[in-house]
């Protein structure tokens, strides 16, 4: 369970590469996990500890006690087991040295077997008795402190201190003449208390080691549709503040055959500026995910280099635009030569799209060649090619855990590259295409976007009550995290 939570925070938006990142570099993705987010993780760690610590077997305890007249009584406690642990209160805090998780007022239920034996010169045979016992541990306080550091691009979890103290322990014996020996067994309280404290402390340290192994085993590179790799190497050591933990990640996308990350000296804003640059509507969100525009640029470059920005458009909201009859007044010779023939558009982007994140919007400029194909007598016949430049902006939003937005057209340029049907009235073609974009295609796309798309889930968790903001080369997402099942029930 805790592994899923850590994976959600550290993997869902991380970007990978196999190169080592120098400590003086900055990342293009950061996660600012607030105390509210740390408390969310802490709660799962506590729940995991409650279940994974038990059953916890303690070593047997032997003790001898001399009783006047009776003589020396040898007692042994075996099969001492902590069966359940219940946490009443827990807190998590960040400081200059790391993270501290404190548990107070916890209690535990235990069982054990007891046995005694004593003999004396006046007894013909040794006297023995045995039975079982239940133990109630109360007032248990646990403290764990650990530090997070960057080890060659991975997170290393180092325990600083771990301790457990028990206030009270109550033993109740069953079987044999237990009522006679309750006082005798009470003498074991001190050793039982120490055994509980030592066993829990040791188990928690082992848990920290396992959690450290989990963090260091997180993959550093994840393929994207066999085209590229996401670079998730951590950059620099985590920053601990009074109210948050800040992680900085490389964040750029590289082609599959070249995972090397581009240099960082072109980063436009430092992490300190990023964290203060955008006012947050809800500063109490669990996590703030900040994404630099260069992540989007690197992704578009990978897709462009992989020749994935090429489309055949044969369906549009106004299908008459893909028939020569719809062009008879714009390109008369096209209609005369191919009357009432269907058409398609062969769209090829010939340079990586230009992206720029500004206040409240993302500006985008795309340069593409558009070839008009006529479907005549079962053959695809290219008749003309136009070079276009389209500039627009997108405004993303998140509402009710759905991601949506709107797209606007700013500028549309068009020029003729070649024609097989004679001279064309380029201005009329530009007017038709621009009008179709503004009045048909973009409204159709915006209608789809206005409905929103559910935010992706990861290992049974998803962002909840999220807010997305754009400003100064960064996209910032402030959100809580919640189990998908919990949200579906509510």
Protein backbone atom coordinates (compact mmCIF):
# COMPACT_ATOMS: atom_id res chain seq x y z
CA UNK A 1 0.00 0.00 0.00
CA UNK A 2 2.73 2.45 0.98
CA UNK A 3 4.65 1.48 -2.14
CA UNK A 4 1.70 2.58 -4.26
CA UNK A 5 1.51 5.90 -2.46
CA UNK A 6 5.21 6.61 -2.90
CA UNK A 7 4.96 5.49 -6.51
CA UNK A 8 2.08 7.90 -7.06
CA UNK A 9 4.02 10.86 -5.74
CA UNK A 10 7.40 9.98 -7.23
CA UNK A 11 6.51 8.25 -10.52
CA UNK A 12 3.25 9.57 -11.96
CA UNK A 13 4.83 12.70 -13.50
CA UNK A 14 8.53 11.91 -13.46
CA UNK A 15 10.68 11.93 -16.56
CA UNK A 16 13.60 9.59 -17.23
CA UNK A 17 17.17 9.28 -18.50
CA UNK A 18 20.12 6.97 -17.84
CA UNK A 19 22.66 9.76 -17.41
CA UNK A 20 23.94 10.91 -14.06
CA UNK A 21 22.78 14.41 -13.09
CA UNK A 22 25.22 16.83 -11.47
CA UNK A 23 24.23 18.35 -8.17
CA UNK A 24 24.50 21.96 -9.44
CA UNK A 25 21.81 21.42 -12.08
CA UNK A 26 18.16 22.18 -11.77
CA UNK A 27 15.21 20.06 -12.79
CA UNK A 28 12.35 20.86 -15.09
CA UNK A 29 9.78 19.12 -12.91
CA UNK A 30 9.39 19.70 -9.20
CA UNK A 31 7.08 18.26 -6.58
CA UNK A 32 6.30 20.37 -3.54
CA UNK A 33 4.69 17.98 -1.05
CA UNK A 34 3.02 19.91 1.75
CA UNK A 35 2.51 18.75 5.32
CA UNK A 36 -0.98 17.75 4.23
CA UNK A 37 0.54 15.53 1.53
CA UNK A 38 3.17 14.18 3.91
CA UNK A 39 0.41 13.43 6.39
CA UNK A 40 -1.36 11.46 3.65
CA UNK A 41 1.78 9.39 3.05
CA UNK A 42 2.38 9.10 6.79
CA UNK A 43 -1.11 7.72 7.35
CA UNK A 44 -0.48 4.92 4.88
CA UNK A 45 2.91 4.20 6.40
CA UNK A 46 1.29 3.97 9.82
CA UNK A 47 -1.43 1.67 8.50
CA UNK A 48 1.22 -0.42 6.78
CA UNK A 49 3.20 -0.58 10.04
CA UNK A 50 0.12 -1.63 12.01
CA UNK A 51 -0.36 -4.61 9.70
CA UNK A 52 3.24 -5.47 8.78
CA UNK A 53 4.64 -5.34 12.30
CA UNK A 54 2.33 -8.10 13.47
CA UNK A 55 2.44 -10.86 14.31
CA UNK A 56 5.77 -10.00 15.92
CA UNK A 57 7.48 -12.76 17.89
CA UNK A 58 9.64 -11.85 20.85
CA UNK A 59 12.43 -14.04 22.29
CA UNK A 60 11.60 -16.16 25.29
CA UNK A 61 12.33 -14.76 28.71
CA UNK A 62 13.72 -16.74 31.65
CA UNK A 63 13.86 -15.62 35.25
CA UNK A 64 14.64 -17.20 38.61
CA UNK A 65 13.41 -15.89 41.92
CA UNK A 66 14.14 -17.15 45.44
CA UNK A 67 11.07 -17.35 47.66
CA UNK A 68 11.48 -18.10 51.34
CA UNK A 69 10.36 -21.62 52.41
CA UNK A 70 9.43 -22.53 48.80
CA UNK A 71 12.95 -22.06 47.48
CA UNK A 72 14.08 -20.99 43.99
CA UNK A 73 11.36 -20.75 41.38
CA UNK A 74 12.42 -20.91 37.70
CA UNK A 75 9.98 -19.28 35.30
CA UNK A 76 10.04 -19.03 31.53
CA UNK A 77 7.83 -17.11 29.13
CA UNK A 78 7.60 -18.52 25.58
CA UNK A 79 5.64 -17.90 22.38
CA UNK A 80 5.50 -14.21 23.22
CA UNK A 81 3.69 -12.60 20.30
CA UNK A 82 2.42 -9.12 19.55
CA UNK A 83 -0.83 -9.83 17.73
CA UNK A 84 -2.13 -6.34 17.04
CA UNK A 85 -1.06 -2.71 17.26
CA UNK A 86 -3.46 0.21 17.25
CA UNK A 87 -2.29 3.78 16.67
CA UNK A 88 -4.34 6.51 18.29
CA UNK A 89 -2.42 9.61 17.20
CA UNK A 90 0.46 10.30 14.82
CA UNK A 91 2.17 13.36 13.36
CA UNK A 92 4.73 14.13 10.65
CA UNK A 93 7.05 17.13 10.54
CA UNK A 94 9.83 18.32 8.28
CA UNK A 95 12.91 20.09 9.55
CA UNK A 96 16.44 21.03 8.59
CA UNK A 97 17.69 17.48 9.02
CA UNK A 98 14.84 15.45 7.56
CA UNK A 99 11.41 14.05 8.34
CA UNK A 100 10.13 13.03 11.76
CA UNK A 101 7.13 10.72 12.25
CA UNK A 102 5.80 10.47 15.80
CA UNK A 103 3.22 8.06 17.20
CA UNK A 104 1.75 8.60 20.65
CA UNK A 105 -0.69 6.72 22.82
CA UNK A 106 -0.64 3.50 20.79
CA UNK A 107 -1.61 0.21 22.39
CA UNK A 108 -0.94 -3.42 21.57
CA UNK A 109 -2.39 -6.82 22.40
CA UNK A 110 -0.10 -9.76 23.12
CA UNK A 111 -0.27 -13.41 24.08
CA UNK A 112 2.28 -15.79 25.59
CA UNK A 113 2.75 -19.11 27.32
CA UNK A 114 4.13 -19.31 30.84
CA UNK A 115 5.68 -22.12 32.84
CA UNK A 116 7.32 -22.40 36.25
CA UNK A 117 9.16 -25.06 38.15
CA UNK A 118 10.54 -25.23 41.69
CA UNK A 119 11.99 -27.89 43.92
CA UNK A 120 13.23 -28.16 47.51
CA UNK A 121 14.91 -30.78 49.67
CA UNK A 122 11.66 -31.52 51.40
CA UNK A 123 9.76 -32.06 48.11
CA UNK A 124 9.89 -35.57 46.67
CA UNK A 125 9.55 -34.29 43.06
CA UNK A 126 9.77 -30.84 41.41
CA UNK A 127 6.51 -28.96 41.18
CA UNK A 128 5.57 -27.46 37.77
CA UNK A 129 2.67 -25.57 36.34
CA UNK A 130 1.94 -23.83 33.04
CA UNK A 131 -0.70 -21.91 31.18
CA UNK A 132 -1.31 -18.97 28.90
CA UNK A 133 -1.46 -15.22 29.38
CA UNK A 134 -2.83 -12.12 27.68
CA UNK A 135 -0.92 -8.87 27.79
CA UNK A 136 -2.14 -5.33 27.24
CA UNK A 137 0.50 -2.76 26.27
CA UNK A 138 -0.61 0.85 26.75
CA UNK A 139 0.90 4.29 26.31
CA UNK A 140 3.27 3.24 23.53
CA UNK A 141 5.16 6.13 21.89
CA UNK A 142 7.22 5.66 18.74
CA UNK A 143 9.50 8.15 17.01
CA UNK A 144 11.21 7.75 13.64
CA UNK A 145 13.44 10.33 11.96
CA UNK A 146 15.11 9.90 8.61
CA UNK A 147 16.76 11.92 5.91
CA UNK A 148 16.34 11.89 2.13
CA UNK A 149 19.39 12.50 -0.06
CA UNK A 150 20.23 12.19 -3.74
CA UNK A 151 22.42 9.23 -4.62
CA UNK A 152 23.34 9.35 -8.31
CA UNK A 153 19.87 10.47 -9.31
CA UNK A 154 17.97 8.18 -6.92
CA UNK A 155 16.48 8.92 -3.52
CA UNK A 156 18.30 7.38 -0.57
CA UNK A 157 16.46 7.05 2.74
CA UNK A 158 18.77 7.17 5.76
CA UNK A 159 17.44 6.50 9.30
CA UNK A 160 18.60 9.07 11.83
CA UNK A 161 16.86 7.79 14.93
CA UNK A 162 14.23 5.23 15.83
CA UNK A 163 12.88 4.51 19.27
CA UNK A 164 9.93 3.07 21.16
CA UNK A 165 8.85 3.56 24.75
CA UNK A 166 6.10 1.79 26.67
CA UNK A 167 4.33 3.39 29.63
CA UNK A 168 2.30 0.50 31.03
CA UNK A 169 2.05 -3.24 30.53
CA UNK A 170 -0.60 -5.45 32.14
CA UNK A 171 -0.34 -9.25 32.31
CA UNK A 172 -3.25 -11.60 32.94
CA UNK A 173 -2.53 -15.33 33.44
CA UNK A 174 -4.84 -18.20 32.57
CA UNK A 175 -4.59 -21.91 33.35
CA UNK A 176 -3.10 -23.87 36.24
CA UNK A 177 -3.03 -22.09 39.56
CA UNK A 178 -2.47 -18.80 37.81
CA UNK A 179 -4.21 -16.81 40.49
CA UNK A 180 -1.43 -17.85 42.88
CA UNK A 181 1.36 -16.68 40.63
CA UNK A 182 0.02 -13.43 39.15
CA UNK A 183 2.26 -11.41 41.45
CA UNK A 184 5.25 -13.52 40.50
CA UNK A 185 4.70 -13.02 36.79
CA UNK A 186 4.22 -9.29 37.33
CA UNK A 187 7.91 -9.29 38.09
CA UNK A 188 8.46 -9.86 34.34
CA UNK A 189 6.92 -6.52 33.43
CA UNK A 190 10.23 -4.74 33.14
CA UNK A 191 11.79 -7.35 30.88
CA UNK A 192 8.63 -7.62 28.78
CA UNK A 193 8.56 -3.86 28.38
CA UNK A 194 12.17 -3.82 27.19
CA UNK A 195 11.52 -6.74 24.84
CA UNK A 196 8.55 -4.93 23.25
CA UNK A 197 10.47 -1.66 22.85
CA UNK A 198 13.51 -3.37 21.33
CA UNK A 199 11.50 -5.61 18.98
CA UNK A 200 9.41 -2.77 17.58
CA UNK A 201 12.41 -0.47 17.16
CA UNK A 202 14.31 -3.21 15.32
CA UNK A 203 11.34 -4.01 13.09
CA UNK A 204 10.85 -0.35 12.19
CA UNK A 205 14.51 0.02 11.25
CA UNK A 206 14.15 -3.00 9.00
CA UNK A 207 11.11 -1.32 7.47
CA UNK A 208 13.10 1.83 6.72
CA UNK A 209 15.75 -0.27 4.99
CA UNK A 210 13.06 -1.91 2.84
CA UNK A 211 11.55 1.47 2.02
CA UNK A 212 14.98 2.74 1.04
CA UNK A 213 15.38 -0.25 -1.29
CA UNK A 214 11.98 0.56 -2.79
CA UNK A 215 12.93 4.17 -3.50
CA UNK A 216 16.30 3.25 -5.00
CA UNK A 217 14.68 0.57 -7.17
CA UNK A 218 12.34 3.04 -8.86
CA UNK A 219 13.13 2.88 -12.59
CA UNK A 220 15.12 5.78 -13.98
CA UNK A 221 13.80 5.44 -17.47
CA UNK A 222 10.34 4.58 -18.74
CA UNK A 223 9.68 4.21 -22.48
CA UNK A 224 7.03 6.35 -24.13
CA UNK A 225 5.33 4.27 -26.81
CA UNK A 226 8.71 2.97 -27.95
CA UNK A 227 9.62 6.48 -29.10
CA UNK A 228 11.54 8.00 -26.24
CA UNK A 229 12.32 7.88 -22.54
CA UNK A 230 11.18 9.97 -19.61
CA UNK A 231 14.04 11.18 -17.43
CA UNK A 232 13.17 10.82 -13.73
CA UNK A 233 16.60 11.21 -12.20
CA UNK A 234 16.43 13.41 -9.14
CA UNK A 235 18.40 16.65 -9.30
CA UNK A 236 20.08 17.84 -6.10
CA UNK A 237 19.07 16.85 -2.60
CA UNK A 238 15.46 17.20 -1.45
CA UNK A 239 14.71 20.49 0.27
CA UNK A 240 13.11 20.35 3.70
CA UNK A 241 11.00 23.28 4.77
CA UNK A 242 8.79 23.89 7.76
CA UNK A 243 5.68 23.05 5.76
CA UNK A 244 6.81 20.96 2.81
CA UNK A 245 9.26 18.63 1.12
CA UNK A 246 10.50 19.73 -2.31
CA UNK A 247 11.86 17.29 -4.89
CA UNK A 248 13.43 18.41 -8.15
CA UNK A 249 13.55 16.09 -11.17
CA UNK A 250 15.32 16.26 -14.53
CA UNK A 251 12.05 16.05 -16.43
CA UNK A 252 13.09 16.12 -20.08
CA UNK A 253 12.16 13.60 -22.75
CA UNK A 254 14.79 12.13 -25.04
CA UNK A 255 14.64 9.89 -28.06
CA UNK A 256 14.83 6.19 -27.33
CA UNK A 257 18.32 5.81 -28.74
CA UNK A 258 19.68 8.92 -26.99
CA UNK A 259 18.75 9.30 -23.34
CA UNK A 260 21.31 12.05 -22.66
CA UNK A 261 19.65 15.04 -21.04
CA UNK A 262 20.12 18.51 -22.59
CA UNK A 263 22.11 21.05 -20.57
CA UNK A 264 20.34 22.90 -17.79
CA UNK A 265 21.88 26.34 -18.17
CA UNK A 266 18.92 27.52 -20.27
CA UNK A 267 16.41 27.09 -17.45
CA UNK A 268 14.46 30.35 -17.38
CA UNK A 269 13.42 30.39 -13.74
CA UNK A 270 15.01 28.98 -10.62
CA UNK A 271 13.07 26.67 -8.36
CA UNK A 272 12.88 29.40 -5.70
CA UNK A 273 11.30 31.78 -8.22
CA UNK A 274 8.93 29.07 -9.42
CA UNK A 275 7.59 28.33 -5.97
CA UNK A 276 6.81 31.99 -5.33
CA UNK A 277 5.77 33.13 -8.80
CA UNK A 278 2.24 31.76 -9.02
CA UNK A 279 -0.39 32.55 -6.38
CA UNK A 280 -2.23 29.45 -5.25
CA UNK A 281 -5.93 29.31 -4.66
CA UNK A 282 -5.51 26.46 -2.19
CA UNK A 283 -2.08 26.51 -0.51
CA UNK A 284 -3.14 23.53 1.61
CA UNK A 285 -3.07 21.08 -1.32
CA UNK A 286 -1.24 17.82 -0.71
CA UNK A 287 1.15 18.23 -3.63
CA UNK A 288 2.11 20.92 -6.11
CA UNK A 289 3.52 19.58 -9.38
CA UNK A 290 5.44 22.14 -11.44
CA UNK A 291 6.21 21.41 -15.09
CA UNK A 292 8.54 23.57 -17.19
CA UNK A 293 7.64 24.27 -20.81
CA UNK A 294 10.88 22.59 -21.93
CA UNK A 295 9.34 19.25 -20.92
CA UNK A 296 6.58 19.84 -23.47
CA UNK A 297 9.11 21.06 -26.02
CA UNK A 298 11.28 17.97 -25.55
CA UNK A 299 8.22 15.74 -25.94
CA UNK A 300 7.14 17.42 -29.17
CA UNK A 301 10.70 17.16 -30.52
CA UNK A 302 10.80 13.43 -29.82
CA UNK A 303 7.47 12.89 -31.58
CA UNK A 304 8.60 15.05 -34.51
CA UNK A 305 11.90 13.21 -34.89
CA UNK A 306 9.99 9.91 -34.80
CA UNK A 307 7.90 11.10 -37.77
CA UNK A 308 4.70 10.96 -35.72
CA UNK A 309 3.42 14.41 -36.74
CA UNK A 310 1.84 13.29 -39.98
CA UNK A 311 -1.89 12.75 -40.49
CA UNK A 312 -4.40 11.96 -43.19
CA UNK A 313 -7.57 13.96 -42.56
CA UNK A 314 -10.59 12.38 -44.20
CA UNK A 315 -13.30 13.33 -41.70
CA UNK A 316 -14.22 16.81 -40.49
CA UNK A 317 -17.34 18.19 -38.77
CA UNK A 318 -18.42 19.78 -42.07
CA UNK A 319 -17.81 16.87 -44.42
CA UNK A 320 -18.72 18.90 -47.53
CA UNK A 321 -15.33 20.57 -47.19
CA UNK A 322 -13.76 17.27 -48.25
CA UNK A 323 -15.55 17.16 -51.59
CA UNK A 324 -14.56 19.09 -54.69
CA UNK A 325 -18.09 20.50 -54.84
CA UNK A 326 -17.36 22.46 -51.68
CA UNK A 327 -14.43 24.14 -53.47
CA UNK A 328 -16.11 24.91 -56.81
CA UNK A 329 -16.23 28.67 -56.15
CA UNK A 330 -12.78 28.83 -54.58
CA UNK A 331 -10.87 26.58 -57.01
CA UNK A 332 -13.18 26.23 -60.05
CA UNK A 333 -10.68 24.23 -62.08
CA UNK A 334 -10.52 21.62 -59.33
CA UNK A 335 -14.27 21.06 -59.53
CA UNK A 336 -14.25 21.04 -63.35
CA UNK A 337 -11.47 18.45 -63.48
CA UNK A 338 -12.76 16.30 -60.61
CA UNK A 339 -16.50 16.97 -60.19
CA UNK A 340 -18.04 15.75 -56.94
CA UNK A 341 -15.01 13.68 -55.97
CA UNK A 342 -14.13 13.14 -52.33
CA UNK A 343 -10.90 14.56 -50.96
CA UNK A 344 -8.53 14.18 -48.04
CA UNK A 345 -5.81 16.35 -46.56
CA UNK A 346 -2.27 15.05 -46.08
CA UNK A 347 -0.92 17.13 -43.17
CA UNK A 348 2.80 17.01 -42.37
CA UNK A 349 4.41 19.21 -39.73
CA UNK A 350 7.85 20.12 -41.11
CA UNK A 351 9.45 21.54 -37.96
CA UNK A 352 8.96 20.90 -34.23
CA UNK A 353 6.05 22.94 -32.84
CA UNK A 354 7.00 26.05 -30.88
CA UNK A 355 5.54 26.11 -27.35
CA UNK A 356 5.53 28.95 -24.86
CA UNK A 357 3.75 28.96 -21.52
CA UNK A 358 2.42 32.39 -20.58
CA UNK A 359 0.02 33.78 -18.01
CA UNK A 360 -3.13 31.61 -18.02
CA UNK A 361 -2.41 30.06 -21.43
CA UNK A 362 -0.05 28.02 -23.60
CA UNK A 363 0.93 29.58 -26.93
CA UNK A 364 1.59 27.23 -29.83
CA UNK A 365 2.89 27.81 -33.35
CA UNK A 366 2.86 25.01 -35.91
CA UNK A 367 4.32 24.98 -39.43
CA UNK A 368 2.86 22.35 -41.73
CA UNK A 369 2.50 21.35 -45.36
CA UNK A 370 -1.04 20.46 -46.42
CA UNK A 371 -1.46 18.41 -49.58
CA UNK A 372 -4.91 18.30 -51.20
CA UNK A 373 -5.62 14.79 -52.46
CA UNK A 374 -8.53 13.91 -54.72
CA UNK A 375 -9.97 10.39 -54.51
CA UNK A 376 -10.70 9.76 -58.20
CA UNK A 377 -11.44 6.38 -59.81
CA UNK A 378 -10.02 4.56 -56.81
CA UNK A 379 -6.77 6.50 -56.98
CA UNK A 380 -5.34 9.11 -54.61
CA UNK A 381 -4.24 12.05 -56.73
CA UNK A 382 -2.29 14.96 -55.16
CA UNK A 383 -3.41 18.19 -56.83
CA UNK A 384 -1.89 20.99 -54.73
CA UNK A 385 0.30 21.67 -51.71
CA UNK A 386 0.09 24.60 -49.32
CA UNK A 387 2.57 25.71 -46.70
CA UNK A 388 0.83 26.90 -43.55
CA UNK A 389 1.73 28.53 -40.24
CA UNK A 390 -0.89 28.35 -37.48
CA UNK A 391 -0.58 30.26 -34.22
CA UNK A 392 -2.99 29.75 -31.38
CA UNK A 393 -3.34 29.39 -27.65
CA UNK A 394 -4.75 26.79 -25.28
CA UNK A 395 -6.21 27.45 -21.85
CA UNK A 396 -6.32 24.27 -19.72
CA UNK A 397 -8.54 23.80 -16.69
CA UNK A 398 -9.39 21.07 -14.21
CA UNK A 399 -12.91 20.77 -12.81
CA UNK A 400 -14.55 17.91 -10.93
CA UNK A 401 -11.42 15.82 -11.48
CA UNK A 402 -11.71 16.24 -15.26
CA UNK A 403 -9.11 17.89 -17.48
CA UNK A 404 -10.46 20.18 -20.16
CA UNK A 405 -9.72 23.43 -21.88
CA UNK A 406 -10.27 25.60 -24.91
CA UNK A 407 -8.25 26.42 -28.03
CA UNK A 408 -8.20 29.72 -29.84
CA UNK A 409 -6.81 30.66 -33.26
CA UNK A 410 -4.62 33.77 -33.37
CA UNK A 411 -3.01 33.78 -36.82
CA UNK A 412 -3.26 31.66 -39.94
CA UNK A 413 -0.81 32.01 -42.82
CA UNK A 414 -0.93 30.10 -46.11
CA UNK A 415 1.14 30.07 -49.28
CA UNK A 416 1.15 27.83 -52.35
CA UNK A 417 4.10 25.45 -52.72
CA UNK A 418 3.01 23.74 -55.91
CA UNK A 419 -0.08 23.02 -58.01
CA UNK A 420 -1.00 20.49 -60.69
CA UNK A 421 -4.25 22.25 -61.57
CA UNK A 422 -2.93 25.66 -62.59
CA UNK A 423 -2.86 28.96 -60.78
CA UNK A 424 -4.95 29.27 -57.63
CA UNK A 425 -6.50 32.20 -55.79
CA UNK A 426 -4.42 31.73 -52.64
CA UNK A 427 -6.21 34.50 -50.74
CA UNK A 428 -9.56 32.78 -51.30
CA UNK A 429 -8.12 29.43 -50.18
CA UNK A 430 -6.65 31.09 -47.09
CA UNK A 431 -9.98 32.70 -46.30
CA UNK A 432 -11.85 29.41 -46.69
CA UNK A 433 -9.43 27.46 -44.51
CA UNK A 434 -9.26 30.17 -41.86
CA UNK A 435 -13.04 30.42 -41.74
CA UNK A 436 -13.37 26.65 -41.53
CA UNK A 437 -10.89 26.55 -38.64
CA UNK A 438 -12.59 29.34 -36.71
CA UNK A 439 -16.22 28.43 -37.32
CA UNK A 440 -16.26 24.64 -37.73
CA UNK A 441 -13.15 22.76 -36.65
CA UNK A 442 -12.14 24.67 -33.48
CA UNK A 443 -15.71 24.94 -32.12
CA UNK A 444 -16.04 21.18 -32.60
CA UNK A 445 -12.74 20.56 -30.78
CA UNK A 446 -13.66 22.99 -28.00
CA UNK A 447 -17.01 21.25 -27.56
CA UNK A 448 -15.14 18.01 -26.96
CA UNK A 449 -12.68 19.70 -24.62
CA UNK A 450 -15.43 21.43 -22.65
CA UNK A 451 -16.77 18.04 -21.57
CA UNK A 452 -13.41 17.24 -20.02
CA UNK A 453 -11.51 14.00 -19.73
CA UNK A 454 -11.04 12.07 -16.46
CA UNK A 455 -7.66 12.55 -14.86
CA UNK A 456 -5.51 9.41 -15.14
CA UNK A 457 -5.24 7.02 -12.23
CA UNK A 458 -2.09 5.40 -10.94
CA UNK A 459 -2.04 2.26 -8.80
CA UNK A 460 -5.55 2.95 -7.55
CA UNK A 461 -4.97 6.65 -6.77
CA UNK A 462 -5.72 9.87 -8.61
CA UNK A 463 -5.46 13.61 -8.26
CA UNK A 464 -8.47 15.14 -6.50
CA UNK A 465 -9.67 18.75 -6.19
CA UNK A 466 -6.87 19.74 -8.55
CA UNK A 467 -6.21 23.22 -9.90
CA UNK A 468 -4.01 24.01 -12.90
CA UNK A 469 -2.25 27.34 -13.38
CA UNK A 470 0.01 28.66 -16.15
CA UNK A 471 2.59 31.38 -15.66
CA UNK A 472 6.10 32.37 -16.71
CA UNK A 473 7.19 29.18 -18.54
CA UNK A 474 5.66 26.84 -15.94
CA UNK A 475 2.51 24.78 -15.53
CA UNK A 476 1.59 24.28 -11.91
CA UNK A 477 -0.90 21.68 -10.67
CA UNK A 478 -2.03 21.92 -7.05
CA UNK A 479 -3.94 18.87 -5.92
CA UNK A 480 -4.90 16.40 -3.26
CA UNK A 481 -4.55 12.66 -3.75
CA UNK A 482 -7.32 10.16 -3.03
CA UNK A 483 -8.07 6.48 -3.64
CA UNK A 484 -10.20 5.92 -6.72
CA UNK A 485 -12.59 3.65 -4.79
CA UNK A 486 -13.22 6.37 -2.21
CA UNK A 487 -14.07 8.90 -4.90
CA UNK A 488 -16.37 6.51 -6.75
CA UNK A 489 -18.34 5.86 -3.56
CA UNK A 490 -18.73 9.54 -2.76
